Amino acid sequence: MPARILIVNGPNLNMLGSREPEIYGKETLADIEAKCKEHAAQLGLEMDFMQSNVEGELVTAIQRAAKDHQGLLINAGAYTHTSIAIMDALLLLKIPVIEVHLSNIFKREAFRHESFISKAAKGVICGFGSGSYILALDGVAALIKSKE
């Protein structure tokens, strides 16, 4: 049975493609989902993909991931820098978590340099546009395989 991965996307990521394309690129979230689905299949992974602008919905999805998923990727958007609730939900997981960002958050405003998500993540991949998700899928697949 293939491992199942959950990819969680936070606020404003539903606006990709039109939101600050000079920072986030012109791809939509649907484009990124399609790329991830294709790459996950190549890795032998099943994948679920979700986005919400609501912090509580993200927390609930993370909590549910503990039952049905063997790995989790998260681009929490602005909640990366503000949400202790999301961090706490991630800390409950016994599966590998990788934090993902389209832009290099360390080259941006100082408030973006602090991440609550990193405290619960095995690793962070940022700055490669949609490629950050692909690299994170490779990473989570390797972590899952190393546990087998």
C-alpha atoms as a PDB file:
ATOM      1  CA  MET A   1       0.000   0.000   0.000  1.00  0.00           C
ATOM      2  CA  PRO A   2       1.554   3.335  -1.037  1.00  0.00           C
ATOM      3  CA  ALA A   3       2.355   5.946   1.559  1.00  0.00           C
ATOM      4  CA  ARG A   4      -0.099   8.839   1.656  1.00  0.00           C
ATOM      5  CA  ILE A   5       1.073  12.462   1.929  1.00  0.00           C
ATOM      6  CA  LEU A   6      -0.973  15.514   2.902  1.00  0.00           C
ATOM      7  CA  ILE A   7      -0.007  18.908   1.461  1.00  0.00           C
ATOM      8  CA  VAL A   8      -1.468  21.772   3.498  1.00  0.00           C
ATOM      9  CA  ASN A   9      -1.618  25.337   2.159  1.00  0.00           C
ATOM     10  CA  GLY A  10      -2.526  28.364   4.234  1.00  0.00           C
ATOM     11  CA  PRO A  11      -4.021  31.799   3.655  1.00  0.00           C
ATOM     12  CA  ASN A  12      -3.808  33.672   0.377  1.00  0.00           C
ATOM     13  CA  LEU A  13      -2.211  30.772  -1.479  1.00  0.00           C
ATOM     14  CA  ASN A  14      -5.519  30.396  -3.313  1.00  0.00           C
ATOM     15  CA  MET A  15      -4.597  33.728  -4.948  1.00  0.00           C
ATOM     16  CA  LEU A  16      -1.369  32.468  -6.540  1.00  0.00           C
ATOM     17  CA  GLY A  17      -0.997  33.474 -10.143  1.00  0.00           C
ATOM     18  CA  SER A  18      -2.428  36.933  -9.532  1.00  0.00           C
ATOM     19  CA  ARG A  19      -0.958  37.761  -6.120  1.00  0.00           C
ATOM     20  CA  GLU A  20       2.453  39.453  -6.345  1.00  0.00           C
ATOM     21  CA  PRO A  21       3.705  37.365  -9.299  1.00  0.00           C
ATOM     22  CA  GLU A  22       7.117  39.032  -9.023  1.00  0.00           C
ATOM     23  CA  ILE A  23       7.510  37.235  -5.665  1.00  0.00           C
ATOM     24  CA  TYR A  24       5.339  34.129  -5.987  1.00  0.00           C
ATOM     25  CA  GLY A  25       5.367  33.501  -9.746  1.00  0.00           C
ATOM     26  CA  LYS A  26       2.528  33.135 -12.208  1.00  0.00           C
ATOM     27  CA  GLU A  27       1.530  29.556 -11.441  1.00  0.00           C
ATOM     28  CA  THR A  28      -1.783  29.002  -9.702  1.00  0.00           C
ATOM     29  CA  LEU A  29      -2.275  26.723  -6.722  1.00  0.00           C
ATOM     30  CA  ALA A  30      -4.081  24.324  -9.086  1.00  0.00           C
ATOM     31  CA  ASP A  31      -0.931  24.261 -11.274  1.00  0.00           C
ATOM     32  CA  ILE A  32       1.182  23.418  -8.237  1.00  0.00           C
ATOM     33  CA  GLU A  33      -1.268  20.727  -7.146  1.00  0.00           C
ATOM     34  CA  ALA A  34      -1.108  19.096 -10.593  1.00  0.00           C
ATOM     35  CA  LYS A  35       2.718  19.119 -10.549  1.00  0.00           C
ATOM     36  CA  CYS A  36       2.739  17.634  -7.051  1.00  0.00           C
ATOM     37  CA  LYS A  37       0.223  14.935  -7.973  1.00  0.00           C
ATOM     38  CA  GLU A  38       2.321  13.903 -10.971  1.00  0.00           C
ATOM     39  CA  HIS A  39       5.568  13.875  -8.987  1.00  0.00           C
ATOM     40  CA  ALA A  40       4.014  12.031  -6.042  1.00  0.00           C
ATOM     41  CA  ALA A  41       2.818   9.318  -8.426  1.00  0.00           C
ATOM     42  CA  GLN A  42       6.355   8.992  -9.836  1.00  0.00           C
ATOM     43  CA  LEU A  43       7.573   8.508  -6.255  1.00  0.00           C
ATOM     44  CA  GLY A  44       4.890   5.896  -5.573  1.00  0.00           C
ATOM     45  CA  LEU A  45       3.047   8.167  -3.147  1.00  0.00           C
ATOM     46  CA  GLU A  46      -0.628   8.966  -2.843  1.00  0.00           C
ATOM     47  CA  MET A  47      -1.348  12.613  -2.153  1.00  0.00           C
ATOM     48  CA  ASP A  48      -4.052  14.800  -0.691  1.00  0.00           C
ATOM     49  CA  PHE A  49      -3.899  18.565  -1.191  1.00  0.00           C
ATOM     50  CA  MET A  50      -5.832  21.255   0.640  1.00  0.00           C
ATOM     51  CA  GLN A  51      -5.901  25.000   1.154  1.00  0.00           C
ATOM     52  CA  SER A  52      -7.727  27.155   3.658  1.00  0.00           C
ATOM     53  CA  ASN A  53      -7.660  30.757   4.755  1.00  0.00           C
ATOM     54  CA  VAL A  54      -9.013  29.645   8.150  1.00  0.00           C
ATOM     55  CA  GLU A  55      -6.520  28.721  10.867  1.00  0.00           C
ATOM     56  CA  GLY A  56      -8.865  26.268  12.619  1.00  0.00           C
ATOM     57  CA  GLU A  57      -9.487  24.345   9.388  1.00  0.00           C
ATOM     58  CA  LEU A  58      -5.734  23.958   8.929  1.00  0.00           C
ATOM     59  CA  VAL A  59      -5.367  22.694  12.520  1.00  0.00           C
ATOM     60  CA  THR A  60      -8.171  20.167  11.995  1.00  0.00           C
ATOM     61  CA  ALA A  61      -6.617  18.900   8.748  1.00  0.00           C
ATOM     62  CA  ILE A  62      -3.241  18.483  10.475  1.00  0.00           C
ATOM     63  CA  GLN A  63      -4.804  16.585  13.376  1.00  0.00           C
ATOM     64  CA  ARG A  64      -6.599  14.249  10.953  1.00  0.00           C
ATOM     65  CA  ALA A  65      -3.349  13.616   9.072  1.00  0.00           C
ATOM     66  CA  ALA A  66      -2.054  11.639  12.043  1.00  0.00           C
ATOM     67  CA  LYS A  67      -4.547   8.851  11.239  1.00  0.00           C
ATOM     68  CA  ASP A  68      -4.364   8.604   7.458  1.00  0.00           C
ATOM     69  CA  HIS A  69      -1.018   9.977   6.272  1.00  0.00           C
ATOM     70  CA  GLN A  70       2.633   9.015   6.526  1.00  0.00           C
ATOM     71  CA  GLY A  71       4.012  12.481   5.771  1.00  0.00           C
ATOM     72  CA  LEU A  72       2.945  16.121   5.625  1.00  0.00           C
ATOM     73  CA  LEU A  73       4.134  19.148   3.675  1.00  0.00           C
ATOM     74  CA  ILE A  74       2.962  22.555   4.825  1.00  0.00           C
ATOM     75  CA  ASN A  75       3.091  26.025   3.356  1.00  0.00           C
ATOM     76  CA  ALA A  76       1.292  27.854   6.130  1.00  0.00           C
ATOM     77  CA  GLY A  77       1.603  31.229   4.405  1.00  0.00           C
ATOM     78  CA  ALA A  78       1.440  34.097   6.895  1.00  0.00           C
ATOM     79  CA  TYR A  79       0.460  31.660   9.664  1.00  0.00           C
ATOM     80  CA  THR A  80       4.073  30.446   9.510  1.00  0.00           C
ATOM     81  CA  HIS A  81       5.040  33.532  11.498  1.00  0.00           C
ATOM     82  CA  THR A  82       2.038  33.794  13.820  1.00  0.00           C
ATOM     83  CA  SER A  83       0.310  30.505  14.579  1.00  0.00           C
ATOM     84  CA  ILE A  84       1.147  28.700  17.766  1.00  0.00           C
ATOM     85  CA  ALA A  85      -2.022  26.625  17.214  1.00  0.00           C
ATOM     86  CA  ILE A  86      -0.685  25.211  13.931  1.00  0.00           C
ATOM     87  CA  MET A  87       2.720  24.595  15.508  1.00  0.00           C
ATOM     88  CA  ASP A  88       1.090  22.719  18.399  1.00  0.00           C
ATOM     89  CA  ALA A  89      -0.941  20.562  15.983  1.00  0.00           C
ATOM     90  CA  LEU A  90       2.208  19.728  14.010  1.00  0.00           C
ATOM     91  CA  LEU A  91       4.104  18.837  17.176  1.00  0.00           C
ATOM     92  CA  LEU A  92       1.479  16.166  17.896  1.00  0.00           C
ATOM     93  CA  LEU A  93       2.313  14.322  14.681  1.00  0.00           C
ATOM     94  CA  LYS A  94       4.566  11.271  14.640  1.00  0.00           C
ATOM     95  CA  ILE A  95       5.039  11.565  10.862  1.00  0.00           C
ATOM     96  CA  PRO A  96       7.655  13.639   9.014  1.00  0.00           C
ATOM     97  CA  VAL A  97       6.714  17.272   8.404  1.00  0.00           C
ATOM     98  CA  ILE A  98       8.447  19.506   5.871  1.00  0.00           C
ATOM     99  CA  GLU A  99       7.889  23.261   5.769  1.00  0.00           C
ATOM    100  CA  VAL A 100       7.620  24.704   2.255  1.00  0.00           C
ATOM    101  CA  HIS A 101       7.745  28.258   0.894  1.00  0.00           C
ATOM    102  CA  LEU A 102       7.716  29.507  -2.675  1.00  0.00           C
ATOM    103  CA  SER A 103       9.936  32.499  -1.906  1.00  0.00           C
ATOM    104  CA  ASN A 104      13.122  32.639   0.135  1.00  0.00           C
ATOM    105  CA  ILE A 105      11.642  33.936   3.378  1.00  0.00           C
ATOM    106  CA  PHE A 106      15.128  34.810   4.660  1.00  0.00           C
ATOM    107  CA  LYS A 107      15.645  37.374   1.887  1.00  0.00           C
ATOM    108  CA  ARG A 108      12.398  39.130   2.735  1.00  0.00           C
ATOM    109  CA  GLU A 109      11.112  41.286   5.581  1.00  0.00           C
ATOM    110  CA  ALA A 110      12.570  40.509   9.016  1.00  0.00           C
ATOM    111  CA  PHE A 111       9.237  39.338  10.465  1.00  0.00           C
ATOM    112  CA  ARG A 112       9.233  36.492   7.891  1.00  0.00           C
ATOM    113  CA  HIS A 113      12.505  35.123   9.271  1.00  0.00           C
ATOM    114  CA  GLU A 114      10.776  33.700  12.369  1.00  0.00           C
ATOM    115  CA  SER A 115       8.824  30.482  11.811  1.00  0.00           C
ATOM    116  CA  PHE A 116       6.701  28.657  14.340  1.00  0.00           C
ATOM    117  CA  ILE A 117       6.303  25.855  11.775  1.00  0.00           C
ATOM    118  CA  SER A 118      10.063  25.170  11.704  1.00  0.00           C
ATOM    119  CA  LYS A 119       9.945  24.155  15.343  1.00  0.00           C
ATOM    120  CA  ALA A 120       7.842  21.130  14.325  1.00  0.00           C
ATOM    121  CA  ALA A 121       9.379  20.398  10.909  1.00  0.00           C
ATOM    122  CA  LYS A 122      12.077  17.934   9.960  1.00  0.00           C
ATOM    123  CA  GLY A 123      13.260  20.439   7.358  1.00  0.00           C
ATOM    124  CA  VAL A 124      12.498  23.641   5.463  1.00  0.00           C
ATOM    125  CA  ILE A 125      12.596  24.165   1.707  1.00  0.00           C
ATOM    126  CA  CYS A 126      12.166  27.697   0.394  1.00  0.00           C
ATOM    127  CA  GLY A 127      13.010  29.919  -2.512  1.00  0.00           C
ATOM    128  CA  PHE A 128      12.511  27.538  -5.451  1.00  0.00           C
ATOM    129  CA  GLY A 129       9.010  28.610  -6.462  1.00  0.00           C
ATOM    130  CA  SER A 130       6.765  25.640  -7.130  1.00  0.00           C
ATOM    131  CA  GLY A 131       9.933  23.525  -7.212  1.00  0.00           C
ATOM    132  CA  SER A 132      10.006  23.859  -3.416  1.00  0.00           C
ATOM    133  CA  TYR A 133       7.032  21.499  -3.280  1.00  0.00           C
ATOM    134  CA  ILE A 134       8.736  18.976  -5.584  1.00  0.00           C
ATOM    135  CA  LEU A 135      11.921  19.047  -3.503  1.00  0.00           C
ATOM    136  CA  ALA A 136       9.831  18.615  -0.352  1.00  0.00           C
ATOM    137  CA  LEU A 137       8.064  15.596  -1.878  1.00  0.00           C
ATOM    138  CA  ASP A 138      11.471  14.055  -2.593  1.00  0.00           C
ATOM    139  CA  GLY A 139      12.508  14.761   0.982  1.00  0.00           C
ATOM    140  CA  VAL A 140       9.404  13.323   2.618  1.00  0.00           C
ATOM    141  CA  ALA A 141       9.579  10.235   0.358  1.00  0.00           C
ATOM    142  CA  ALA A 142      13.175   9.642   1.498  1.00  0.00           C
ATOM    143  CA  LEU A 143      12.209  10.084   5.149  1.00  0.00           C
ATOM    144  CA  ILE A 144       9.344   7.624   4.820  1.00  0.00           C
ATOM    145  CA  LYS A 145      11.552   5.114   3.016  1.00  0.00           C
ATOM    146  CA  SER A 146      14.241   5.371   5.713  1.00  0.00           C
ATOM    147  CA  LYS A 147      11.630   4.373   8.321  1.00  0.00           C
ATOM    148  CA  GLU A 148      10.596   1.236   6.395  1.00  0.00           C
END
